[in-house]
Amino acid sequence: MSSTDGEDAMKSMTDKATYERLQKDVEAVKNDISALADQISDVIEAFKGDARKQAKRTYKQARANAESMMSDVRQHGSDAMDAAQDYASTLEESLEDAISQRPLAAVGLAVGLGFLIGVTWRR
């Protein structure tokens, strides 16, 4: 039995008005299914776009966080270097003051340290 035979059988079982209503209902269901398929397709496309945007936002945020952290590390490194230079400068001034106030003690200390280093290296 082909589809036209089925349609003919349907027409003969029902009156023309009922057949036309059924035909319209079937067409409406087809249209609704088509519209639903289009909506699902649109939602999937929007979801892909949103996911792509979210991934880009997350990447940019991670990159900004990494750059901020590197900036902080550079700042801390710079601060540590400044502190070390200040300490070295203070130590140098203290040594200069100690040597200028007690020159003989400084020479004796230098000779003693040189002797200790020489003995240590010989072993």
C-alpha atoms as a PDB file:
ATOM      1  CA  MET A   1       0.000   0.000   0.000  1.00  0.00           C
ATOM      2  CA  SER A   2       1.658   3.269  -1.113  1.00  0.00           C
ATOM      3  CA  SER A   3       1.291   6.656   0.537  1.00  0.00           C
ATOM      4  CA  THR A   4      -1.280   7.778  -2.015  1.00  0.00           C
ATOM      5  CA  ASP A   5      -3.296   4.609  -1.358  1.00  0.00           C
ATOM      6  CA  GLY A   6      -3.076   5.442   2.333  1.00  0.00           C
ATOM      7  CA  GLU A   7      -4.261   8.961   1.648  1.00  0.00           C
ATOM      8  CA  ASP A   8      -7.121   7.644  -0.457  1.00  0.00           C
ATOM      9  CA  ALA A   9      -8.090   5.219   2.287  1.00  0.00           C
ATOM     10  CA  MET A  10      -7.921   8.062   4.810  1.00  0.00           C
ATOM     11  CA  LYS A  11     -10.134  10.244   2.638  1.00  0.00           C
ATOM     12  CA  SER A  12     -12.672   7.484   2.284  1.00  0.00           C
ATOM     13  CA  MET A  13     -12.763   6.838   6.051  1.00  0.00           C
ATOM     14  CA  THR A  14     -13.233  10.445   7.012  1.00  0.00           C
ATOM     15  CA  ASP A  15     -15.060  13.296   5.543  1.00  0.00           C
ATOM     16  CA  LYS A  16     -13.251  15.981   3.596  1.00  0.00           C
ATOM     17  CA  ALA A  17     -13.252  18.573   6.434  1.00  0.00           C
ATOM     18  CA  THR A  18     -11.657  16.169   8.904  1.00  0.00           C
ATOM     19  CA  TYR A  19      -9.056  15.175   6.329  1.00  0.00           C
ATOM     20  CA  GLU A  20      -8.179  18.808   5.684  1.00  0.00           C
ATOM     21  CA  ARG A  21      -7.867  19.491   9.441  1.00  0.00           C
ATOM     22  CA  LEU A  22      -5.580  16.499   9.810  1.00  0.00           C
ATOM     23  CA  GLN A  23      -3.554  17.669   6.826  1.00  0.00           C
ATOM     24  CA  LYS A  24      -3.211  21.154   8.392  1.00  0.00           C
ATOM     25  CA  ASP A  25      -2.267  19.635  11.761  1.00  0.00           C
ATOM     26  CA  VAL A  26       0.410  17.475  10.135  1.00  0.00           C
ATOM     27  CA  GLU A  27       1.767  20.528   8.288  1.00  0.00           C
ATOM     28  CA  ALA A  28       1.720  22.526  11.544  1.00  0.00           C
ATOM     29  CA  VAL A  29       3.650  19.756  13.334  1.00  0.00           C
ATOM     30  CA  LYS A  30       6.175  19.654  10.468  1.00  0.00           C
ATOM     31  CA  ASN A  31       6.589  23.432  10.675  1.00  0.00           C
ATOM     32  CA  ASP A  32       6.940  23.280  14.465  1.00  0.00           C
ATOM     33  CA  ILE A  33       9.588  20.570  14.185  1.00  0.00           C
ATOM     34  CA  SER A  34      11.425  22.601  11.557  1.00  0.00           C
ATOM     35  CA  ALA A  35      11.269  25.734  13.732  1.00  0.00           C
ATOM     36  CA  LEU A  36      12.449  23.732  16.751  1.00  0.00           C
ATOM     37  CA  ALA A  37      15.368  22.335  14.754  1.00  0.00           C
ATOM     38  CA  ASP A  38      16.292  25.888  13.707  1.00  0.00           C
ATOM     39  CA  GLN A  39      16.088  27.087  17.321  1.00  0.00           C
ATOM     40  CA  ILE A  40      18.260  24.214  18.511  1.00  0.00           C
ATOM     41  CA  SER A  41      20.784  25.028  15.809  1.00  0.00           C
ATOM     42  CA  ASP A  42      20.778  28.695  16.853  1.00  0.00           C
ATOM     43  CA  VAL A  43      21.240  27.749  20.504  1.00  0.00           C
ATOM     44  CA  ILE A  44      24.163  25.476  19.652  1.00  0.00           C
ATOM     45  CA  GLU A  45      25.788  28.233  17.591  1.00  0.00           C
ATOM     46  CA  ALA A  46      25.236  30.741  20.397  1.00  0.00           C
ATOM     47  CA  PHE A  47      26.658  28.279  22.907  1.00  0.00           C
ATOM     48  CA  LYS A  48      29.753  27.793  20.760  1.00  0.00           C
ATOM     49  CA  GLY A  49      30.158  31.554  20.518  1.00  0.00           C
ATOM     50  CA  ASP A  50      29.653  31.999  24.269  1.00  0.00           C
ATOM     51  CA  ALA A  51      32.097  29.201  25.037  1.00  0.00           C
ATOM     52  CA  ARG A  52      34.661  30.771  22.713  1.00  0.00           C
ATOM     53  CA  LYS A  53      34.148  34.180  24.352  1.00  0.00           C
ATOM     54  CA  GLN A  54      34.414  32.653  27.828  1.00  0.00           C
ATOM     55  CA  ALA A  55      37.639  30.863  26.846  1.00  0.00           C
ATOM     56  CA  LYS A  56      39.087  34.119  25.508  1.00  0.00           C
ATOM     57  CA  ARG A  57      38.061  35.975  28.672  1.00  0.00           C
ATOM     58  CA  THR A  58      39.610  33.282  30.859  1.00  0.00           C
ATOM     59  CA  TYR A  59      42.817  33.346  28.804  1.00  0.00           C
ATOM     60  CA  LYS A  60      43.046  37.130  29.028  1.00  0.00           C
ATOM     61  CA  GLN A  61      42.411  37.037  32.775  1.00  0.00           C
ATOM     62  CA  ALA A  62      45.045  34.337  33.300  1.00  0.00           C
ATOM     63  CA  ARG A  63      47.520  36.298  31.212  1.00  0.00           C
ATOM     64  CA  ALA A  64      46.796  39.496  33.165  1.00  0.00           C
ATOM     65  CA  ASN A  65      47.252  37.595  36.440  1.00  0.00           C
ATOM     66  CA  ALA A  66      50.561  36.162  35.233  1.00  0.00           C
ATOM     67  CA  GLU A  67      51.760  39.596  34.115  1.00  0.00           C
ATOM     68  CA  SER A  68      50.717  41.079  37.455  1.00  0.00           C
ATOM     69  CA  MET A  69      52.563  38.341  39.310  1.00  0.00           C
ATOM     70  CA  MET A  70      55.686  38.877  37.180  1.00  0.00           C
ATOM     71  CA  SER A  71      55.484  42.595  37.861  1.00  0.00           C
ATOM     72  CA  ASP A  72      55.276  41.886  41.589  1.00  0.00           C
ATOM     73  CA  VAL A  73      58.268  39.532  41.363  1.00  0.00           C
ATOM     74  CA  ARG A  74      60.257  42.178  39.481  1.00  0.00           C
ATOM     75  CA  GLN A  75      59.315  44.769  42.088  1.00  0.00           C
ATOM     76  CA  HIS A  76      60.318  42.485  44.977  1.00  0.00           C
ATOM     77  CA  GLY A  77      63.574  41.635  43.187  1.00  0.00           C
ATOM     78  CA  SER A  78      64.275  45.314  42.639  1.00  0.00           C
ATOM     79  CA  ASP A  79      63.505  46.074  46.290  1.00  0.00           C
ATOM     80  CA  ALA A  80      65.815  43.254  47.425  1.00  0.00           C
ATOM     81  CA  MET A  81      68.585  44.539  45.146  1.00  0.00           C
ATOM     82  CA  ASP A  82      68.181  48.066  46.521  1.00  0.00           C
ATOM     83  CA  ALA A  83      68.309  46.737  50.080  1.00  0.00           C
ATOM     84  CA  ALA A  84      71.470  44.702  49.310  1.00  0.00           C
ATOM     85  CA  GLN A  85      73.126  47.749  47.729  1.00  0.00           C
ATOM     86  CA  ASP A  86      72.201  49.874  50.745  1.00  0.00           C
ATOM     87  CA  TYR A  87      73.609  47.215  53.089  1.00  0.00           C
ATOM     88  CA  ALA A  88      76.816  46.946  51.038  1.00  0.00           C
ATOM     89  CA  SER A  89      77.187  50.713  51.060  1.00  0.00           C
ATOM     90  CA  THR A  90      76.636  50.848  54.836  1.00  0.00           C
ATOM     91  CA  LEU A  91      79.120  47.997  55.381  1.00  0.00           C
ATOM     92  CA  GLU A  92      81.687  49.762  53.201  1.00  0.00           C
ATOM     93  CA  GLU A  93      81.284  52.985  55.180  1.00  0.00           C
ATOM     94  CA  SER A  94      81.580  51.087  58.463  1.00  0.00           C
ATOM     95  CA  LEU A  95      84.773  49.363  57.303  1.00  0.00           C
ATOM     96  CA  GLU A  96      86.250  52.665  56.128  1.00  0.00           C
ATOM     97  CA  ASP A  97      85.458  54.226  59.499  1.00  0.00           C
ATOM     98  CA  ALA A  98      86.958  51.278  61.404  1.00  0.00           C
ATOM     99  CA  ILE A  99      90.122  51.286  59.266  1.00  0.00           C
ATOM    100  CA  SER A 100      90.589  55.047  59.565  1.00  0.00           C
ATOM    101  CA  GLN A 101      90.108  54.941  63.364  1.00  0.00           C
ATOM    102  CA  ARG A 102      92.389  51.891  63.969  1.00  0.00           C
ATOM    103  CA  PRO A 103      94.728  51.412  61.007  1.00  0.00           C
ATOM    104  CA  LEU A 104      97.191  49.074  62.789  1.00  0.00           C
ATOM    105  CA  ALA A 105      94.430  46.765  64.019  1.00  0.00           C
ATOM    106  CA  ALA A 106      92.989  46.614  60.511  1.00  0.00           C
ATOM    107  CA  VAL A 107      96.369  45.677  58.995  1.00  0.00           C
ATOM    108  CA  GLY A 108      96.875  43.027  61.696  1.00  0.00           C
ATOM    109  CA  LEU A 109      93.416  41.608  61.054  1.00  0.00           C
ATOM    110  CA  ALA A 110      94.088  41.479  57.296  1.00  0.00           C
ATOM    111  CA  VAL A 111      97.420  39.660  57.857  1.00  0.00           C
ATOM    112  CA  GLY A 112      95.742  37.186  60.251  1.00  0.00           C
ATOM    113  CA  LEU A 113      92.910  36.451  57.828  1.00  0.00           C
ATOM    114  CA  GLY A 114      95.391  36.000  54.965  1.00  0.00           C
ATOM    115  CA  PHE A 115      97.412  33.544  57.080  1.00  0.00           C
ATOM    116  CA  LEU A 116      94.253  31.535  57.992  1.00  0.00           C
ATOM    117  CA  ILE A 117      93.141  31.373  54.372  1.00  0.00           C
ATOM    118  CA  GLY A 118      96.627  30.269  53.264  1.00  0.00           C
ATOM    119  CA  VAL A 119      96.753  27.507  55.888  1.00  0.00           C
ATOM    120  CA  THR A 120      93.262  26.316  54.959  1.00  0.00           C
ATOM    121  CA  TRP A 121      94.061  26.107  51.244  1.00  0.00           C
ATOM    122  CA  ARG A 122      97.298  24.205  51.847  1.00  0.00           C
ATOM    123  CA  ARG A 123      95.458  21.301  53.420  1.00  0.00           C
END
